[in-house]
Structures are given as C-alpha cells and as structure tokens.
C-alpha cells in the first residue's frame, strides 16, 4: 500500500493543476456528463447526436488530409470549428444557463450564407447534374462522399433529438446545407483531378 501511495504522490508532482487526464473513470458505469451539469446514459439520443457530430468532424479532417486541395480544404477548415460549436450546443441541456460559456459556439446566418456561396461556386465548375452519381473517384472525392453520408446520419440524429428537446433551428439548417456542400465538393475534387464520374 505505501508503495502505491508514493507512486501517486510522485505522479501528482509531474501533473500541473492545468493538466487534464485522458481517463477519468467517471464513465465506467456507462453514463456521461453534460455541459452545464447532469449525467445521462452514453446511448441517450443527445449523446448519440453529438457523437455523430464528432464523427463527422473526424471524417472531414480525414478528407482534408487526403490529396490536399487548398481551395477545397480552405472551405472545410472553418466547418470543423463550426462542428465543435454544434457539438457544444447539443451537449448543453440548458442553453440559457450556459449562455456566457457558449458565446463562441453560436452559428450565424452569415455562416449559412457562406456555405451556400461555396455550393454555388462549386456548381459553377460542374456539368449540370442529370443522373445519380456513384460515390467514389479519387481518394479525396471518396472521402468527401463518406463525410456527406455521415453528415446525413448526424442530421437524422439531431432531428430525432429535436422531437424531445429544444434544438436551435440553425443547427438543422447548417447540417442540411453541409451535406449538399460536401456532395458538391466531392464532385469538384473529381473534376479538378481530371477523374470522370460514374452515373447510375
């Protein structure tokens, strides 16, 4: 027993007060804490929704790392920050209580307008869509198609959650617009790489 105590003491000397440990053991019973207080099961619809947003953020990060295309990646970078904001909103059951802490997590109408402009700019490069397109092509385009499908799943999870709790409507609008943007960017990636599209 004393040996364990000495080990713990030694460890505490190396951890500054600001150090966050990766494991906390607080979720070992299958529940998790929410932003602003309260705990729910890890399969709660709220956790599923922000978990899907987290996955979407990760696959967009993966898409950015594949065959870097600056003009596409510049569009994706702020989206990853937006998704952190959306995750924070979804993880907060009482938005009024945490309004000050969530100040930087707000998604503005201007961001929606910027995404719509990116969609319009992308479509200006493309042939008009006349048939369903098989997901794939270059690794970049394929990764963006995966991100698009994860986005649609996240959107469904958020809408399911919205049946029971109040969710800012801008979150739904953002995800709906984002899936369209990812589809267009996948097509643009193929076109810029000189890859053809396979239609169904």
N, C-alpha and C. Protein backbone atom coordinates (compact mmCIF):
# COMPACT_ATOMS: atom_id res chain seq x y z
N UNK A 1 0.81 -1.22 0.00
CA UNK A 1 0.00 0.00 0.00
C UNK A 1 0.85 1.27 0.00
N UNK A 2 1.86 1.38 0.88
CA UNK A 2 2.70 2.58 0.86
C UNK A 2 3.34 2.83 -0.49
N UNK A 3 3.71 1.71 -1.20
CA UNK A 3 4.35 1.86 -2.49
C UNK A 3 3.41 2.54 -3.48
N UNK A 4 2.13 2.16 -3.44
CA UNK A 4 1.15 2.78 -4.33
C UNK A 4 1.01 4.26 -4.01
N UNK A 5 0.97 4.57 -2.73
CA UNK A 5 0.82 5.98 -2.33
C UNK A 5 2.00 6.81 -2.80
N UNK A 6 3.21 6.27 -2.65
CA UNK A 6 4.38 7.02 -3.10
C UNK A 6 4.33 7.25 -4.60
N UNK A 7 3.86 6.21 -5.34
CA UNK A 7 3.75 6.35 -6.79
C UNK A 7 2.77 7.45 -7.16
N UNK A 8 1.64 7.49 -6.45
CA UNK A 8 0.64 8.52 -6.73
C UNK A 8 1.19 9.90 -6.41
N UNK A 9 1.91 10.01 -5.29
CA UNK A 9 2.49 11.30 -4.94
C UNK A 9 3.48 11.76 -5.99
N UNK A 10 4.30 10.81 -6.47
CA UNK A 10 5.30 11.14 -7.47
C UNK A 10 4.61 11.62 -8.75
N UNK A 11 3.53 10.94 -9.11
CA UNK A 11 2.81 11.32 -10.32
C UNK A 11 2.21 12.71 -10.19
N UNK A 12 1.66 13.03 -8.99
CA UNK A 12 1.00 14.31 -8.83
C UNK A 12 1.97 15.47 -8.98
N UNK A 13 3.28 15.23 -8.66
CA UNK A 13 4.27 16.29 -8.80
C UNK A 13 4.49 16.66 -10.27
N UNK A 14 4.28 15.69 -11.18
CA UNK A 14 4.52 15.93 -12.60
C UNK A 14 3.30 16.50 -13.31
N UNK A 15 2.13 16.39 -12.67
CA UNK A 15 0.90 16.90 -13.28
C UNK A 15 0.61 18.29 -12.74
N UNK A 16 0.64 19.29 -13.63
CA UNK A 16 0.32 20.64 -13.19
C UNK A 16 -1.18 20.73 -12.94
N UNK A 17 -1.64 21.77 -12.24
CA UNK A 17 -3.08 21.92 -12.00
C UNK A 17 -3.89 22.02 -13.29
N UNK A 18 -3.24 22.42 -14.40
CA UNK A 18 -3.96 22.58 -15.65
C UNK A 18 -3.95 21.32 -16.51
N UNK A 19 -3.26 20.28 -16.06
CA UNK A 19 -3.17 19.06 -16.85
C UNK A 19 -4.49 18.30 -16.77
N UNK A 20 -5.01 17.89 -17.92
CA UNK A 20 -6.23 17.09 -17.97
C UNK A 20 -5.86 15.65 -18.29
N UNK A 21 -6.29 14.73 -17.46
CA UNK A 21 -6.01 13.33 -17.71
C UNK A 21 -6.99 12.81 -18.75
N UNK A 22 -6.50 11.90 -19.60
CA UNK A 22 -7.35 11.34 -20.64
C UNK A 22 -8.46 10.48 -20.03
N UNK A 23 -8.12 9.69 -19.04
CA UNK A 23 -9.15 8.85 -18.42
C UNK A 23 -9.56 9.44 -17.08
N UNK A 24 -10.86 9.40 -16.82
CA UNK A 24 -11.38 9.96 -15.57
C UNK A 24 -12.11 8.90 -14.74
N UNK A 25 -12.46 7.79 -15.37
CA UNK A 25 -13.21 6.69 -14.73
C UNK A 25 -14.67 7.07 -14.43
N UNK A 26 -15.05 8.30 -14.72
CA UNK A 26 -16.42 8.71 -14.38
C UNK A 26 -17.46 8.06 -15.29
N UNK A 27 -17.04 7.57 -16.45
CA UNK A 27 -18.00 6.95 -17.36
C UNK A 27 -17.96 5.45 -17.35
N UNK A 28 -17.33 4.87 -16.34
CA UNK A 28 -17.17 3.41 -16.32
C UNK A 28 -18.49 2.67 -16.12
N UNK A 29 -19.51 3.37 -15.66
CA UNK A 29 -20.82 2.73 -15.46
C UNK A 29 -21.73 2.93 -16.68
N UNK A 30 -21.19 3.56 -17.75
CA UNK A 30 -21.98 3.71 -18.97
C UNK A 30 -22.74 5.00 -19.07
N UNK A 31 -22.41 5.98 -18.21
CA UNK A 31 -23.05 7.28 -18.35
C UNK A 31 -21.99 8.35 -18.58
N UNK A 32 -22.44 9.55 -18.92
CA UNK A 32 -21.51 10.63 -19.22
C UNK A 32 -22.08 11.96 -18.76
N UNK A 33 -21.20 12.92 -18.49
CA UNK A 33 -21.65 14.22 -18.03
C UNK A 33 -21.96 15.16 -19.18
N UNK A 34 -22.93 16.03 -18.97
CA UNK A 34 -23.32 17.03 -19.95
C UNK A 34 -22.75 18.38 -19.57
N UNK A 35 -22.63 19.27 -20.55
CA UNK A 35 -22.10 20.60 -20.32
C UNK A 35 -23.12 21.41 -19.53
N UNK A 36 -22.73 21.89 -18.37
CA UNK A 36 -23.65 22.63 -17.53
C UNK A 36 -24.27 21.79 -16.44
N UNK A 37 -23.92 20.50 -16.39
CA UNK A 37 -24.40 19.65 -15.32
C UNK A 37 -25.37 18.58 -15.77
N UNK A 38 -25.45 17.53 -14.98
CA UNK A 38 -26.32 16.41 -15.28
C UNK A 38 -25.58 15.29 -15.99
N UNK A 39 -26.08 14.08 -15.81
CA UNK A 39 -25.49 12.91 -16.44
C UNK A 39 -26.58 12.10 -17.13
N UNK A 40 -26.22 11.49 -18.26
CA UNK A 40 -27.16 10.64 -19.00
C UNK A 40 -26.41 9.41 -19.48
N UNK A 41 -27.16 8.40 -19.89
CA UNK A 41 -26.57 7.20 -20.46
C UNK A 41 -25.83 7.55 -21.75
N UNK A 42 -24.78 6.81 -22.03
CA UNK A 42 -24.00 7.08 -23.23
C UNK A 42 -24.74 6.75 -24.52
N UNK A 43 -25.87 6.05 -24.41
CA UNK A 43 -26.68 5.82 -25.62
C UNK A 43 -27.91 6.74 -25.65
N UNK A 44 -27.92 7.77 -24.81
CA UNK A 44 -29.00 8.75 -24.82
C UNK A 44 -29.02 9.46 -26.17
N UNK A 45 -30.20 9.80 -26.70
CA UNK A 45 -30.27 10.48 -28.00
C UNK A 45 -29.40 11.73 -28.09
N UNK A 46 -29.23 12.45 -26.98
CA UNK A 46 -28.40 13.64 -27.00
C UNK A 46 -26.94 13.27 -27.25
N UNK A 47 -26.48 12.21 -26.58
CA UNK A 47 -25.10 11.77 -26.74
C UNK A 47 -24.88 11.18 -28.13
N UNK A 48 -25.87 10.44 -28.63
CA UNK A 48 -25.78 9.91 -30.00
C UNK A 48 -25.64 11.05 -30.99
N UNK A 49 -26.41 12.12 -30.79
CA UNK A 49 -26.39 13.24 -31.73
C UNK A 49 -25.03 13.93 -31.73
N UNK A 50 -24.51 14.29 -30.55
CA UNK A 50 -23.22 14.99 -30.59
C UNK A 50 -22.08 14.03 -30.87
N UNK A 51 -22.29 12.74 -30.63
CA UNK A 51 -21.28 11.75 -31.04
C UNK A 51 -21.18 11.65 -32.56
N UNK A 52 -22.34 11.71 -33.23
CA UNK A 52 -22.33 11.69 -34.69
C UNK A 52 -21.68 12.96 -35.25
N UNK A 53 -21.89 14.09 -34.58
CA UNK A 53 -21.23 15.33 -34.99
C UNK A 53 -19.72 15.19 -34.83
N UNK A 54 -19.28 14.57 -33.75
CA UNK A 54 -17.85 14.35 -33.53
C UNK A 54 -17.27 13.46 -34.63
N UNK A 55 -18.00 12.41 -34.99
CA UNK A 55 -17.54 11.54 -36.08
C UNK A 55 -17.47 12.30 -37.39
N UNK A 56 -18.46 13.13 -37.65
CA UNK A 56 -18.47 13.94 -38.87
C UNK A 56 -17.24 14.85 -38.91
N UNK A 57 -16.91 15.46 -37.78
CA UNK A 57 -15.74 16.31 -37.71
C UNK A 57 -14.47 15.52 -38.04
N UNK A 58 -14.40 14.29 -37.52
CA UNK A 58 -13.22 13.46 -37.76
C UNK A 58 -13.09 13.06 -39.23
N UNK A 59 -14.20 12.70 -39.87
CA UNK A 59 -14.09 12.28 -41.27
C UNK A 59 -13.81 13.47 -42.18
N UNK A 60 -14.28 14.66 -41.79
CA UNK A 60 -13.91 15.85 -42.57
C UNK A 60 -12.42 16.12 -42.40
N UNK A 61 -11.90 15.93 -41.20
CA UNK A 61 -10.47 16.05 -41.00
C UNK A 61 -9.69 15.07 -41.85
N UNK A 62 -10.21 13.86 -41.96
CA UNK A 62 -9.57 12.85 -42.82
C UNK A 62 -9.62 13.29 -44.28
N UNK A 63 -10.77 13.81 -44.71
CA UNK A 63 -10.89 14.28 -46.09
C UNK A 63 -9.90 15.40 -46.39
N UNK A 64 -9.67 16.27 -45.41
CA UNK A 64 -8.71 17.36 -45.60
C UNK A 64 -7.28 16.83 -45.76
N UNK A 65 -7.00 15.69 -45.13
CA UNK A 65 -5.63 15.17 -45.14
C UNK A 65 -5.31 14.37 -46.39
N UNK A 66 -6.32 14.07 -47.19
CA UNK A 66 -6.14 13.25 -48.40
C UNK A 66 -6.00 14.16 -49.61
N UNK A 67 -4.93 13.97 -50.38
CA UNK A 67 -4.75 14.72 -51.63
C UNK A 67 -5.09 16.21 -51.44
N UNK A 68 -4.31 16.88 -50.68
CA UNK A 68 -4.64 18.26 -50.30
C UNK A 68 -4.95 19.12 -51.53
N UNK A 69 -6.09 19.79 -51.47
CA UNK A 69 -6.53 20.72 -52.50
C UNK A 69 -6.88 22.02 -51.79
N UNK A 70 -5.98 23.01 -51.82
CA UNK A 70 -6.15 24.21 -50.99
C UNK A 70 -7.52 24.85 -51.09
N UNK A 71 -8.07 25.00 -52.28
CA UNK A 71 -9.34 25.72 -52.39
C UNK A 71 -10.50 24.94 -51.77
N UNK A 72 -10.40 23.62 -51.75
CA UNK A 72 -11.42 22.80 -51.08
C UNK A 72 -11.15 22.78 -49.58
N UNK A 73 -9.90 22.56 -49.20
CA UNK A 73 -9.56 22.46 -47.78
C UNK A 73 -9.82 23.76 -47.03
N UNK A 74 -9.68 24.88 -47.72
CA UNK A 74 -9.97 26.17 -47.08
C UNK A 74 -11.45 26.31 -46.75
N UNK A 75 -12.30 25.65 -47.51
CA UNK A 75 -13.73 25.65 -47.22
C UNK A 75 -14.02 24.73 -46.03
N UNK A 76 -13.29 23.63 -45.93
CA UNK A 76 -13.55 22.64 -44.90
C UNK A 76 -13.05 23.05 -43.52
N UNK A 77 -11.96 23.81 -43.46
CA UNK A 77 -11.35 24.14 -42.16
C UNK A 77 -12.31 24.85 -41.21
N UNK A 78 -13.00 25.91 -41.63
CA UNK A 78 -13.94 26.55 -40.69
C UNK A 78 -15.12 25.67 -40.33
N UNK A 79 -15.47 24.73 -41.21
CA UNK A 79 -16.56 23.81 -40.92
C UNK A 79 -16.23 22.95 -39.71
N UNK A 80 -14.96 22.53 -39.59
CA UNK A 80 -14.58 21.74 -38.42
C UNK A 80 -14.78 22.55 -37.14
N UNK A 81 -14.47 23.83 -37.17
CA UNK A 81 -14.69 24.67 -35.99
C UNK A 81 -16.20 24.81 -35.71
N UNK A 82 -16.98 24.96 -36.77
CA UNK A 82 -18.44 25.04 -36.59
C UNK A 82 -18.98 23.78 -35.93
N UNK A 83 -18.44 22.63 -36.30
CA UNK A 83 -18.94 21.37 -35.75
C UNK A 83 -18.62 21.24 -34.27
N UNK A 84 -17.49 21.79 -33.83
CA UNK A 84 -17.22 21.85 -32.39
C UNK A 84 -18.30 22.68 -31.70
N UNK A 85 -18.68 23.78 -32.32
CA UNK A 85 -19.72 24.64 -31.75
C UNK A 85 -21.05 23.90 -31.67
N UNK A 86 -21.40 23.19 -32.74
CA UNK A 86 -22.66 22.44 -32.74
C UNK A 86 -22.63 21.35 -31.68
N UNK A 87 -21.49 20.66 -31.56
CA UNK A 87 -21.37 19.65 -30.52
C UNK A 87 -21.58 20.23 -29.14
N UNK A 88 -21.04 21.42 -28.89
CA UNK A 88 -21.22 22.07 -27.59
C UNK A 88 -22.68 22.41 -27.35
N UNK A 89 -23.37 22.89 -28.37
CA UNK A 89 -24.79 23.20 -28.23
C UNK A 89 -25.60 21.95 -27.91
N UNK A 90 -25.29 20.86 -28.59
CA UNK A 90 -26.05 19.63 -28.38
C UNK A 90 -25.75 19.00 -27.01
N UNK A 91 -24.56 19.26 -26.49
CA UNK A 91 -24.17 18.68 -25.20
C UNK A 91 -24.66 19.52 -24.01
N UNK A 92 -25.40 20.58 -24.29
CA UNK A 92 -25.84 21.51 -23.23
C UNK A 92 -27.35 21.47 -23.09
N UNK A 93 -27.86 20.84 -22.03
CA UNK A 93 -29.33 20.77 -21.88
C UNK A 93 -29.98 22.10 -21.55
N UNK A 94 -29.25 23.00 -20.88
CA UNK A 94 -29.82 24.30 -20.50
C UNK A 94 -28.99 25.40 -21.16
N UNK A 95 -29.40 25.81 -22.35
CA UNK A 95 -28.63 26.80 -23.10
C UNK A 95 -28.60 28.15 -22.40
N UNK A 96 -29.70 28.53 -21.74
CA UNK A 96 -29.73 29.81 -21.04
C UNK A 96 -28.74 29.84 -19.88
N UNK A 97 -28.65 28.74 -19.17
CA UNK A 97 -27.75 28.66 -18.03
C UNK A 97 -26.29 28.83 -18.45
N UNK A 98 -25.96 28.28 -19.64
CA UNK A 98 -24.56 28.28 -20.09
C UNK A 98 -24.34 29.29 -21.21
N UNK A 99 -25.20 30.30 -21.30
CA UNK A 99 -25.13 31.24 -22.43
C UNK A 99 -23.77 31.91 -22.54
N UNK A 100 -23.20 32.32 -21.42
CA UNK A 100 -21.90 33.00 -21.44
C UNK A 100 -20.81 32.07 -21.94
N UNK A 101 -20.82 30.82 -21.46
CA UNK A 101 -19.79 29.86 -21.88
C UNK A 101 -19.96 29.45 -23.34
N UNK A 102 -21.19 29.55 -23.84
CA UNK A 102 -21.46 29.15 -25.23
C UNK A 102 -21.37 30.30 -26.22
N UNK A 103 -20.89 31.44 -25.76
CA UNK A 103 -20.87 32.63 -26.62
C UNK A 103 -20.14 32.37 -27.93
N UNK A 104 -19.05 31.63 -27.90
CA UNK A 104 -18.30 31.39 -29.14
C UNK A 104 -18.84 30.20 -29.92
N UNK A 105 -19.89 29.56 -29.42
CA UNK A 105 -20.43 28.37 -30.09
C UNK A 105 -21.62 28.69 -30.98
N UNK A 106 -21.95 29.96 -31.13
CA UNK A 106 -23.11 30.32 -31.93
C UNK A 106 -22.80 30.21 -33.43
N UNK A 107 -23.73 29.65 -34.17
CA UNK A 107 -23.62 29.56 -35.63
C UNK A 107 -24.51 30.65 -36.21
N UNK A 108 -23.92 31.51 -37.00
CA UNK A 108 -24.66 32.66 -37.51
C UNK A 108 -25.28 32.38 -38.88
N UNK A 109 -26.25 33.21 -39.24
CA UNK A 109 -26.84 33.13 -40.57
C UNK A 109 -25.78 33.42 -41.64
N UNK A 110 -24.78 34.21 -41.27
CA UNK A 110 -23.70 34.52 -42.21
C UNK A 110 -22.93 33.26 -42.60
N UNK A 111 -22.75 32.33 -41.65
CA UNK A 111 -22.06 31.09 -41.97
C UNK A 111 -22.87 30.25 -42.96
N UNK A 112 -24.19 30.24 -42.78
CA UNK A 112 -25.05 29.52 -43.72
C UNK A 112 -24.91 30.13 -45.11
N UNK A 113 -24.90 31.46 -45.18
CA UNK A 113 -24.77 32.15 -46.46
C UNK A 113 -23.42 31.85 -47.10
N UNK A 114 -22.36 31.76 -46.31
CA UNK A 114 -21.04 31.44 -46.85
C UNK A 114 -21.02 30.03 -47.43
N UNK A 115 -21.68 29.10 -46.76
CA UNK A 115 -21.75 27.73 -47.28
C UNK A 115 -22.52 27.69 -48.60
N UNK A 116 -23.62 28.43 -48.65
CA UNK A 116 -24.41 28.46 -49.88
C UNK A 116 -23.59 29.06 -51.02
N UNK A 117 -22.77 30.06 -50.72
CA UNK A 117 -21.92 30.65 -51.75
C UNK A 117 -20.89 29.63 -52.22
N UNK A 118 -20.35 28.84 -51.30
CA UNK A 118 -19.39 27.80 -51.68
C UNK A 118 -20.05 26.75 -52.56
N UNK A 119 -21.30 26.43 -52.27
CA UNK A 119 -22.04 25.48 -53.12
C UNK A 119 -22.20 26.07 -54.51
N UNK A 120 -22.63 27.32 -54.58
CA UNK A 120 -22.82 27.98 -55.88
C UNK A 120 -21.51 28.04 -56.66
N UNK A 121 -20.41 28.37 -55.97
CA UNK A 121 -19.11 28.45 -56.65
C UNK A 121 -18.70 27.09 -57.19
N UNK A 122 -18.93 26.05 -56.41
CA UNK A 122 -18.59 24.70 -56.86
C UNK A 122 -19.42 24.26 -58.05
N UNK A 123 -20.72 24.53 -57.98
CA UNK A 123 -21.60 24.11 -59.08
C UNK A 123 -21.27 24.84 -60.38
N UNK A 124 -20.70 26.05 -60.26
CA UNK A 124 -20.32 26.80 -61.46
C UNK A 124 -19.22 26.08 -62.23
N UNK A 125 -18.45 25.22 -61.56
CA UNK A 125 -17.38 24.47 -62.22
C UNK A 125 -17.87 23.17 -62.85
N UNK A 126 -19.09 22.75 -62.49
CA UNK A 126 -19.53 21.40 -62.81
C UNK A 126 -20.56 21.38 -63.94
N UNK A 127 -20.62 20.23 -64.59
CA UNK A 127 -21.70 19.99 -65.55
C UNK A 127 -23.01 19.83 -64.77
N UNK A 128 -24.13 20.25 -65.33
CA UNK A 128 -25.41 20.07 -64.63
C UNK A 128 -25.64 18.61 -64.27
N UNK A 129 -26.21 18.39 -63.11
CA UNK A 129 -26.46 17.03 -62.62
C UNK A 129 -27.69 16.45 -63.31
N UNK A 130 -27.51 15.34 -64.03
CA UNK A 130 -28.61 14.73 -64.77
C UNK A 130 -28.89 13.30 -64.36
N UNK A 131 -28.08 12.75 -63.44
CA UNK A 131 -28.26 11.37 -63.00
C UNK A 131 -27.63 11.21 -61.62
N UNK A 132 -27.98 10.12 -60.93
CA UNK A 132 -27.33 9.82 -59.66
C UNK A 132 -25.87 9.48 -59.91
N UNK A 133 -25.02 9.91 -59.00
CA UNK A 133 -23.58 9.69 -59.14
C UNK A 133 -23.12 8.66 -58.12
N UNK A 134 -22.37 7.68 -58.61
CA UNK A 134 -21.80 6.69 -57.71
C UNK A 134 -20.73 7.34 -56.83
N UNK A 135 -20.81 7.18 -55.50
CA UNK A 135 -19.75 7.72 -54.65
C UNK A 135 -18.41 7.07 -54.98
N UNK A 136 -17.38 7.87 -55.05
CA UNK A 136 -16.06 7.32 -55.36
C UNK A 136 -15.26 8.29 -56.19
N UNK A 137 -14.39 7.73 -57.01
CA UNK A 137 -13.49 8.55 -57.81
C UNK A 137 -12.13 8.61 -57.15
N UNK A 138 -11.58 9.79 -57.00
CA UNK A 138 -10.29 9.95 -56.36
C UNK A 138 -10.43 9.72 -54.85
N UNK A 139 -9.33 9.43 -54.15
CA UNK A 139 -9.42 9.30 -52.69
C UNK A 139 -10.03 10.53 -52.02
N UNK A 140 -9.71 11.72 -52.53
CA UNK A 140 -10.27 12.94 -51.96
C UNK A 140 -11.79 12.96 -52.10
N UNK A 141 -12.25 12.69 -53.31
CA UNK A 141 -13.70 12.70 -53.56
C UNK A 141 -14.40 11.62 -52.76
N UNK A 142 -13.80 10.43 -52.70
CA UNK A 142 -14.42 9.34 -51.94
C UNK A 142 -14.53 9.70 -50.46
N UNK A 143 -13.50 10.33 -49.91
CA UNK A 143 -13.54 10.74 -48.51
C UNK A 143 -14.63 11.77 -48.27
N UNK A 144 -14.83 12.67 -49.23
CA UNK A 144 -15.88 13.67 -49.09
C UNK A 144 -17.27 13.04 -49.19
N UNK A 145 -17.41 12.00 -50.01
CA UNK A 145 -18.68 11.29 -50.07
C UNK A 145 -18.98 10.59 -48.75
N UNK A 146 -17.96 10.00 -48.12
CA UNK A 146 -18.15 9.40 -46.81
C UNK A 146 -18.60 10.46 -45.81
N UNK A 147 -17.94 11.61 -45.84
CA UNK A 147 -18.32 12.70 -44.94
C UNK A 147 -19.77 13.12 -45.18
N UNK A 148 -20.18 13.14 -46.45
CA UNK A 148 -21.57 13.51 -46.75
C UNK A 148 -22.56 12.54 -46.11
N UNK A 149 -22.29 11.25 -46.17
CA UNK A 149 -23.23 10.27 -45.61
C UNK A 149 -23.23 10.34 -44.08
N UNK A 150 -22.07 10.57 -43.47
CA UNK A 150 -22.02 10.74 -42.02
C UNK A 150 -22.79 11.99 -41.62
N UNK A 151 -22.70 13.03 -42.43
CA UNK A 151 -23.44 14.26 -42.17
C UNK A 151 -24.94 14.00 -42.17
N UNK A 152 -25.42 13.22 -43.13
CA UNK A 152 -26.85 12.91 -43.18
C UNK A 152 -27.28 12.11 -41.95
N UNK A 153 -26.42 11.20 -41.50
CA UNK A 153 -26.74 10.43 -40.28
C UNK A 153 -26.79 11.36 -39.07
N UNK A 154 -25.83 12.27 -38.97
CA UNK A 154 -25.83 13.23 -37.87
C UNK A 154 -27.08 14.09 -37.91
N UNK A 155 -27.48 14.49 -39.10
CA UNK A 155 -28.70 15.29 -39.25
C UNK A 155 -29.91 14.52 -38.75
N UNK A 156 -30.00 13.23 -39.09
CA UNK A 156 -31.13 12.42 -38.62
C UNK A 156 -31.13 12.30 -37.10
N UNK A 157 -29.93 12.13 -36.52
CA UNK A 157 -29.84 12.01 -35.06
C UNK A 157 -30.27 13.30 -34.37
N UNK A 158 -29.90 14.44 -34.94
CA UNK A 158 -30.27 15.72 -34.34
C UNK A 158 -31.78 15.94 -34.47
N UNK A 159 -32.35 15.59 -35.60
CA UNK A 159 -33.80 15.74 -35.78
C UNK A 159 -34.55 14.82 -34.81
N UNK A 160 -34.04 13.61 -34.61
CA UNK A 160 -34.64 12.68 -33.65
C UNK A 160 -34.61 13.30 -32.25
N UNK A 161 -33.49 13.91 -31.88
CA UNK A 161 -33.37 14.55 -30.58
C UNK A 161 -34.32 15.73 -30.46
N UNK A 162 -34.52 16.44 -31.58
CA UNK A 162 -35.38 17.63 -31.58
C UNK A 162 -36.83 17.29 -31.25
N UNK A 163 -37.23 16.05 -31.42
CA UNK A 163 -38.59 15.65 -31.06
C UNK A 163 -38.84 15.79 -29.55
N UNK A 164 -37.76 15.69 -28.76
CA UNK A 164 -37.90 15.67 -27.31
C UNK A 164 -37.33 16.90 -26.61
N UNK A 165 -36.36 17.55 -27.22
CA UNK A 165 -35.75 18.71 -26.57
C UNK A 165 -35.62 19.83 -27.59
N UNK A 166 -35.48 21.04 -27.08
CA UNK A 166 -35.34 22.20 -27.96
C UNK A 166 -33.92 22.27 -28.51
N UNK A 167 -33.81 22.31 -29.83
CA UNK A 167 -32.53 22.43 -30.52
C UNK A 167 -32.59 23.68 -31.38
N UNK A 168 -31.57 24.54 -31.34
CA UNK A 168 -31.59 25.72 -32.21
C UNK A 168 -31.80 25.31 -33.68
N UNK A 169 -32.76 25.92 -34.34
CA UNK A 169 -33.09 25.53 -35.71
C UNK A 169 -31.90 25.70 -36.65
N UNK A 170 -31.00 26.62 -36.34
CA UNK A 170 -29.85 26.85 -37.20
C UNK A 170 -28.98 25.59 -37.31
N UNK A 171 -29.01 24.74 -36.28
CA UNK A 171 -28.23 23.50 -36.32
C UNK A 171 -28.75 22.59 -37.43
N UNK A 172 -30.07 22.45 -37.51
CA UNK A 172 -30.68 21.61 -38.56
C UNK A 172 -30.38 22.19 -39.94
N UNK A 173 -30.55 23.50 -40.07
CA UNK A 173 -30.28 24.15 -41.36
C UNK A 173 -28.82 23.95 -41.76
N UNK A 174 -27.92 24.12 -40.80
CA UNK A 174 -26.49 24.01 -41.08
C UNK A 174 -26.16 22.60 -41.60
N UNK A 175 -26.65 21.57 -40.93
CA UNK A 175 -26.32 20.20 -41.33
C UNK A 175 -26.93 19.86 -42.69
N UNK A 176 -28.13 20.37 -42.95
CA UNK A 176 -28.75 20.13 -44.25
C UNK A 176 -27.93 20.77 -45.36
N UNK A 177 -27.47 21.97 -45.12
CA UNK A 177 -26.67 22.67 -46.12
C UNK A 177 -25.29 22.03 -46.26
N UNK A 178 -24.73 21.55 -45.15
CA UNK A 178 -23.40 20.96 -45.18
C UNK A 178 -23.36 19.69 -46.02
N UNK A 179 -24.38 18.87 -45.94
CA UNK A 179 -24.38 17.65 -46.74
C UNK A 179 -24.39 17.98 -48.23
N UNK A 180 -25.14 19.02 -48.61
CA UNK A 180 -25.13 19.45 -50.01
C UNK A 180 -23.74 19.95 -50.41
N UNK A 181 -23.12 20.71 -49.53
CA UNK A 181 -21.79 21.24 -49.82
C UNK A 181 -20.78 20.12 -49.99
N UNK A 182 -20.82 19.12 -49.13
CA UNK A 182 -19.87 18.01 -49.23
C UNK A 182 -20.06 17.23 -50.53
N UNK A 183 -21.30 17.09 -50.97
CA UNK A 183 -21.57 16.42 -52.24
C UNK A 183 -20.95 17.21 -53.40
N UNK A 184 -21.16 18.52 -53.39
CA UNK A 184 -20.61 19.36 -54.45
C UNK A 184 -19.07 19.33 -54.42
N UNK A 185 -18.49 19.41 -53.23
CA UNK A 185 -17.03 19.39 -53.13
C UNK A 185 -16.45 18.06 -53.61
N UNK A 186 -17.17 16.96 -53.38
CA UNK A 186 -16.71 15.66 -53.88
C UNK A 186 -16.67 15.67 -55.41
N UNK A 187 -17.69 16.23 -56.03
CA UNK A 187 -17.71 16.33 -57.49
C UNK A 187 -16.60 17.25 -58.00
N UNK A 188 -16.41 18.37 -57.29
CA UNK A 188 -15.35 19.31 -57.68
C UNK A 188 -13.98 18.65 -57.57
N UNK A 189 -13.77 17.87 -56.51
CA UNK A 189 -12.48 17.19 -56.33
C UNK A 189 -12.20 16.25 -57.49
N UNK A 190 -13.21 15.52 -57.93
CA UNK A 190 -13.03 14.63 -59.08
C UNK A 190 -12.74 15.42 -60.35
N UNK A 191 -13.45 16.48 -60.54
CA UNK A 191 -13.26 17.28 -61.76
C UNK A 191 -11.86 17.90 -61.80
N UNK A 192 -11.42 18.47 -60.68
CA UNK A 192 -10.10 19.10 -60.66
C UNK A 192 -8.98 18.09 -60.82
N UNK A 193 -9.24 16.85 -60.44
CA UNK A 193 -8.24 15.79 -60.60
C UNK A 193 -8.31 15.16 -61.99
N UNK A 194 -9.28 15.57 -62.80
CA UNK A 194 -9.43 15.00 -64.13
C UNK A 194 -10.07 13.63 -64.13
N UNK A 195 -10.75 13.29 -63.03
CA UNK A 195 -11.40 11.99 -62.92
C UNK A 195 -12.85 12.11 -63.37
N UNK A 196 -13.32 11.13 -64.10
CA UNK A 196 -14.71 11.14 -64.54
C UNK A 196 -15.63 10.65 -63.44
N UNK A 197 -16.92 10.86 -63.65
CA UNK A 197 -17.91 10.40 -62.69
C UNK A 197 -18.69 9.22 -63.28
N UNK A 198 -19.00 8.26 -62.43
CA UNK A 198 -19.80 7.11 -62.85
C UNK A 198 -21.23 7.36 -62.42
N UNK A 199 -22.14 7.33 -63.35
CA UNK A 199 -23.55 7.58 -63.03
C UNK A 199 -24.33 6.28 -62.93
N UNK A 200 -25.48 6.38 -62.32
CA UNK A 200 -26.36 5.21 -62.16
C UNK A 200 -27.61 5.40 -63.00
